[in-house]
Amino acid sequence: MISYIITTYNKQNTIALCLDQLSDFELGHEVVVYDDGSEDKTRDILTSYQKKGNFKIIFGRRIGRAKALNEAIKASSNQIIAINDADDISAKNRTEFILSKLEAFNKYSIQGTDIVITYDLPTQNDIDILNIKCSRFKDISSETYDIGQLYLGNKYSHSTLFFEKDLWRELNGYDESLDICIDYDFILRSSQLSPTIKYNYPLVLQYTDYDSYFRKKSNYEYSKALKKVRSKINVNYSTKASLQYLTLKYRLRNLLKSF
């Protein structure tokens, strides 16, 4: 059975759509929501879901995303953890797909899927289209990534991840000392144990909100966080050299754009 993990902070515009897509569960699956001290109407919306059998709502103080994720997973009842960010929408058949991939955990530490990106607030029409597309999708291919490939950059959207709770325990959860790059750090550390896999199957509608907390962080802040994340990982010299080359190429491209 699956526990969907959602953390919220001021997500009044999307949280109901997000939860409604996860409301038609069979007995045993659950949705665990940790509200990280929202100051808008998010908490009022969440209250209406408390009486529904498969929802576990936790109203907390502002503790930050990493700790909120850990608290939600700690409160979960099932062995399979599926992440769903509060402004992203899972397709109706995501649960069915995850259940079809349980045996793959013998080979891969983390599994994930592709996404559909929207830059506007999701509507019910967008969700209906996602559900139709996913139900008709065929010929699902996949890519596997080892620690060297992931060291060079993140390949996953956090909302698509699913993994075993035992993995979370072995990694001592999400790193609560990080403010950003929390998901990348978790993925990268998991790849030290075994490779990861990504399926070419867009099961999540991802809303890119440029006013979000994480989008407002500067390039300097992200560079500093990435340096901290990668400092925990041991990779060979050629991988580090490749990263230096890609970083230099990125900076040169941005410099040329400024002229």
Protein backbone atom coordinates (compact mmCIF):
# COMPACT_ATOMS: atom_id res chain seq x y z
CA MET A 1 0.00 0.00 0.00
CA ILE A 2 1.07 3.59 -0.69
CA SER A 3 1.37 6.70 1.46
CA TYR A 4 1.30 9.93 -0.55
CA ILE A 5 3.30 12.66 1.18
CA ILE A 6 2.36 16.32 0.78
CA THR A 7 3.74 19.38 2.56
CA THR A 8 1.97 22.70 2.26
CA TYR A 9 2.81 26.32 2.88
CA ASN A 10 0.33 28.93 1.58
CA LYS A 11 -1.04 26.74 -1.21
CA GLN A 12 -4.69 27.82 -1.13
CA ASN A 13 -4.88 28.06 -4.93
CA THR A 14 -3.87 24.47 -5.68
CA ILE A 15 -4.22 22.23 -2.63
CA ALA A 16 -7.87 21.24 -3.25
CA LEU A 17 -7.17 20.20 -6.84
CA CYS A 18 -4.14 18.27 -5.66
CA LEU A 19 -6.07 16.38 -2.96
CA ASP A 20 -9.16 15.72 -5.08
CA GLN A 21 -7.04 13.74 -7.53
CA LEU A 22 -5.96 11.49 -4.66
CA SER A 23 -9.37 11.03 -3.06
CA ASP A 24 -10.58 7.87 -4.82
CA PHE A 25 -8.31 5.42 -3.05
CA GLU A 26 -8.91 1.83 -2.17
CA LEU A 27 -8.75 0.97 1.52
CA GLY A 28 -5.15 0.92 2.73
CA HIS A 29 -3.71 3.76 0.67
CA GLU A 30 -3.44 7.13 2.41
CA VAL A 31 -2.57 10.79 1.91
CA VAL A 32 -0.48 12.40 4.64
CA VAL A 33 -0.45 16.21 4.59
CA TYR A 34 1.79 18.31 6.81
CA ASP A 35 0.85 21.98 6.78
CA ASP A 36 4.01 23.96 7.46
CA GLY A 37 2.38 26.93 9.21
CA SER A 38 0.31 28.32 6.32
CA GLU A 39 -0.96 31.87 6.78
CA ASP A 40 -3.53 31.96 3.97
CA LYS A 41 -6.69 29.82 3.61
CA THR A 42 -4.81 26.55 3.13
CA ARG A 43 -5.60 25.33 6.65
CA ASP A 44 -9.32 26.03 6.21
CA ILE A 45 -9.32 23.96 3.02
CA LEU A 46 -7.40 21.12 4.67
CA THR A 47 -9.89 20.99 7.55
CA SER A 48 -12.62 19.90 5.12
CA TYR A 49 -10.56 16.80 4.24
CA GLN A 50 -9.97 15.65 7.83
CA LYS A 51 -13.19 13.64 7.93
CA LYS A 52 -12.29 11.66 4.82
CA GLY A 53 -10.97 8.24 5.74
CA ASN A 54 -7.79 8.15 3.67
CA PHE A 55 -6.50 11.62 4.63
CA LYS A 56 -4.20 12.26 7.58
CA ILE A 57 -3.83 16.03 8.12
CA ILE A 58 -1.15 17.44 10.42
CA PHE A 59 -1.24 21.13 11.32
CA GLY A 60 2.25 22.20 12.35
CA ARG A 61 4.23 25.31 12.98
CA ARG A 62 6.67 26.69 10.42
CA ILE A 63 9.57 24.23 10.47
CA GLY A 64 10.78 24.23 6.85
CA ARG A 65 10.24 21.84 3.99
CA ALA A 66 12.80 19.16 4.86
CA LYS A 67 11.59 18.71 8.42
CA ALA A 68 7.95 18.87 7.27
CA LEU A 69 8.65 16.04 4.81
CA ASN A 70 10.29 13.99 7.54
CA GLU A 71 7.40 14.57 9.95
CA ALA A 72 4.86 13.55 7.30
CA ILE A 73 6.76 10.38 6.37
CA LYS A 74 7.22 9.55 10.06
CA ALA A 75 3.44 9.75 10.48
CA SER A 76 2.74 7.55 7.45
CA SER A 77 1.50 3.98 7.80
CA ASN A 78 2.71 2.30 4.61
CA GLN A 79 6.01 1.01 3.25
CA ILE A 80 5.79 2.70 -0.16
CA ILE A 81 6.21 6.48 -0.10
CA ALA A 82 5.08 8.64 -3.03
CA ILE A 83 5.86 12.34 -3.05
CA ASN A 84 3.32 14.87 -4.30
CA ASP A 85 4.09 18.57 -3.96
CA ALA A 86 1.10 20.71 -2.98
CA ASP A 87 0.93 22.62 -6.26
CA ASP A 88 1.31 19.58 -8.53
CA ILE A 89 -1.39 17.18 -9.70
CA SER A 90 -1.02 13.40 -9.99
CA ALA A 91 -2.85 11.53 -12.74
CA LYS A 92 -5.60 9.21 -11.58
CA ASN A 93 -3.66 6.10 -12.61
CA ARG A 94 -0.43 7.05 -10.82
CA THR A 95 -1.22 4.69 -7.93
CA GLU A 96 -1.82 1.80 -10.32
CA PHE A 97 1.48 2.50 -12.07
CA ILE A 98 3.45 2.64 -8.81
CA LEU A 99 1.97 -0.69 -7.69
CA SER A 100 3.11 -2.24 -10.99
CA LYS A 101 6.73 -1.27 -10.22
CA LEU A 102 7.17 -2.64 -6.70
CA GLU A 103 9.54 -5.41 -7.78
CA ALA A 104 11.86 -2.80 -9.31
CA PHE A 105 12.90 -1.72 -5.80
CA ASN A 106 15.14 -4.80 -5.81
CA LYS A 107 17.32 -2.94 -8.37
CA TYR A 108 16.63 0.79 -7.93
CA SER A 109 16.68 2.98 -4.83
CA ILE A 110 14.35 5.66 -6.20
CA GLN A 111 11.84 5.60 -9.04
CA GLY A 112 10.24 8.55 -10.80
CA THR A 113 8.34 9.54 -13.92
CA ASP A 114 8.12 12.32 -16.44
CA ILE A 115 6.00 15.46 -15.97
CA VAL A 116 3.78 17.87 -17.88
CA ILE A 117 4.66 21.49 -17.08
CA THR A 118 2.16 24.32 -16.83
CA TYR A 119 2.96 27.97 -16.15
CA ASP A 120 -0.64 28.85 -15.35
CA LEU A 121 -2.71 27.74 -12.39
CA PRO A 122 -4.02 24.24 -13.19
CA THR A 123 -7.69 23.98 -14.06
CA GLN A 124 -10.02 20.99 -13.99
CA ASN A 125 -9.78 20.90 -17.78
CA ASP A 126 -5.98 20.57 -17.55
CA ILE A 127 -6.43 17.67 -15.13
CA ASP A 128 -8.99 15.94 -17.34
CA ILE A 129 -6.57 16.16 -20.28
CA LEU A 130 -3.75 14.73 -18.12
CA ASN A 131 -5.94 11.78 -17.09
CA ILE A 132 -6.96 11.05 -20.68
CA LYS A 133 -3.38 11.25 -21.98
CA CYS A 134 -2.07 8.97 -19.25
CA SER A 135 -4.77 6.38 -19.83
CA ARG A 136 -3.81 6.20 -23.52
CA PHE A 137 -0.03 6.32 -23.09
CA LYS A 138 1.84 3.32 -24.50
CA ASP A 139 5.40 2.15 -25.10
CA ILE A 140 6.82 3.37 -21.78
CA SER A 141 10.60 3.61 -21.97
CA SER A 142 12.95 4.40 -19.09
CA GLU A 143 16.39 5.75 -18.23
CA THR A 144 18.59 4.65 -15.34
CA TYR A 145 21.00 7.00 -13.58
CA ASP A 146 23.99 6.22 -11.41
CA ILE A 147 25.70 8.48 -8.90
CA GLY A 148 28.09 9.96 -11.48
CA GLN A 149 25.26 11.07 -13.76
CA LEU A 150 23.21 12.50 -10.91
CA TYR A 151 26.24 14.31 -9.50
CA LEU A 152 26.23 16.41 -12.67
CA GLY A 153 22.59 17.42 -12.23
CA ASN A 154 19.14 16.42 -11.02
CA LYS A 155 17.06 14.37 -13.44
CA TYR A 156 13.83 14.26 -11.44
CA SER A 157 10.87 16.37 -10.43
CA HIS A 158 10.31 15.82 -6.72
CA SER A 159 6.57 15.24 -7.20
CA THR A 160 7.19 12.11 -9.27
CA LEU A 161 9.34 10.21 -6.77
CA PHE A 162 8.36 6.97 -5.09
CA PHE A 163 10.56 4.87 -2.82
CA GLU A 164 10.49 2.51 0.15
CA LYS A 165 10.21 3.92 3.65
CA ASP A 166 13.20 1.79 4.63
CA LEU A 167 15.32 3.85 2.20
CA TRP A 168 14.22 7.03 3.95
CA ARG A 169 15.20 5.49 7.29
CA GLU A 170 18.59 4.33 5.98
CA LEU A 171 19.36 7.85 4.70
CA ASN A 172 18.17 9.40 7.98
CA GLY A 173 15.48 11.24 6.06
CA TYR A 174 15.69 14.53 4.24
CA ASP A 175 18.54 16.82 5.34
CA GLU A 176 16.95 19.38 7.65
CA SER A 177 20.00 21.64 7.52
CA LEU A 178 19.15 22.47 3.89
CA ASP A 179 16.75 25.22 2.90
CA ILE A 180 16.84 24.47 -0.84
CA CYS A 181 18.04 21.56 -3.05
CA ILE A 182 16.40 19.26 -0.49
CA ASP A 183 15.07 16.81 -3.07
CA TYR A 184 18.31 16.72 -5.07
CA ASP A 185 20.27 15.93 -1.92
CA PHE A 186 17.95 13.03 -1.07
CA ILE A 187 18.13 11.62 -4.60
CA LEU A 188 21.90 11.96 -4.79
CA ARG A 189 22.46 10.23 -1.45
CA SER A 190 20.09 7.43 -2.44
CA SER A 191 22.10 6.82 -5.63
CA GLN A 192 25.08 5.86 -3.46
CA LEU A 193 23.14 2.73 -2.50
CA SER A 194 21.87 1.72 -5.95
CA PRO A 195 20.94 3.34 -9.29
CA THR A 196 17.69 5.23 -9.85
CA ILE A 197 15.20 4.91 -12.70
CA LYS A 198 12.97 7.40 -14.51
CA TYR A 199 10.03 6.28 -16.66
CA ASN A 200 9.06 8.19 -19.79
CA TYR A 201 5.50 8.47 -18.58
CA PRO A 202 4.07 11.93 -17.68
CA LEU A 203 2.03 11.09 -14.59
CA VAL A 204 2.26 14.49 -12.89
CA LEU A 205 1.11 17.97 -13.91
CA GLN A 206 3.72 20.34 -12.48
CA TYR A 207 2.75 23.94 -11.86
CA THR A 208 5.73 26.29 -12.16
CA ASP A 209 4.96 29.21 -9.86
CA TYR A 210 7.51 31.99 -10.26
CA ASP A 211 6.29 33.61 -7.04
CA SER A 212 7.03 30.54 -4.93
CA TYR A 213 9.51 30.56 -2.06
CA PHE A 214 12.05 28.44 -3.95
CA ARG A 215 11.82 30.39 -7.21
CA LYS A 216 12.74 33.57 -5.35
CA LYS A 217 16.08 32.17 -4.24
CA SER A 218 19.12 33.64 -6.00
CA ASN A 219 21.61 31.77 -8.19
CA TYR A 220 24.21 32.39 -5.51
CA GLU A 221 22.04 30.70 -2.88
CA TYR A 222 21.49 27.70 -5.15
CA SER A 223 25.20 27.46 -5.98
CA LYS A 224 26.07 27.49 -2.29
CA ALA A 225 23.49 24.79 -1.52
CA LEU A 226 24.63 22.60 -4.43
CA LYS A 227 28.22 22.82 -3.23
CA LYS A 228 27.14 21.63 0.22
CA VAL A 229 25.08 18.78 -1.24
CA ARG A 230 27.87 17.54 -3.49
CA SER A 231 30.49 17.80 -0.75
CA LYS A 232 28.92 14.73 0.91
CA ILE A 233 29.40 12.57 -2.18
CA ASN A 234 32.54 10.75 -3.27
CA VAL A 235 32.95 10.60 -7.06
CA ASN A 236 35.94 10.10 -9.32
CA TYR A 237 38.11 12.87 -10.74
CA SER A 238 36.64 12.70 -14.26
CA THR A 239 33.12 13.31 -12.90
CA LYS A 240 34.30 16.36 -10.95
CA ALA A 241 36.12 17.62 -14.05
CA SER A 242 32.95 17.21 -16.11
CA LEU A 243 31.02 19.25 -13.54
CA GLN A 244 33.65 22.02 -13.65
CA TYR A 245 33.39 22.08 -17.45
CA LEU A 246 29.59 22.28 -17.40
CA THR A 247 29.69 25.04 -14.76
CA LEU A 248 32.18 27.06 -16.81
CA LYS A 249 30.09 26.58 -19.95
CA TYR A 250 26.95 27.77 -18.11
CA ARG A 251 28.68 30.86 -16.74
CA LEU A 252 30.17 31.72 -20.13
CA ARG A 253 26.77 31.42 -21.79
CA ASN A 254 25.22 33.77 -19.23
CA LEU A 255 28.08 36.19 -19.65
CA LEU A 256 27.57 36.32 -23.43
CA LYS A 257 23.86 36.95 -22.91
CA SER A 258 24.67 40.07 -20.91
CA PHE A 259 26.34 41.79 -23.88
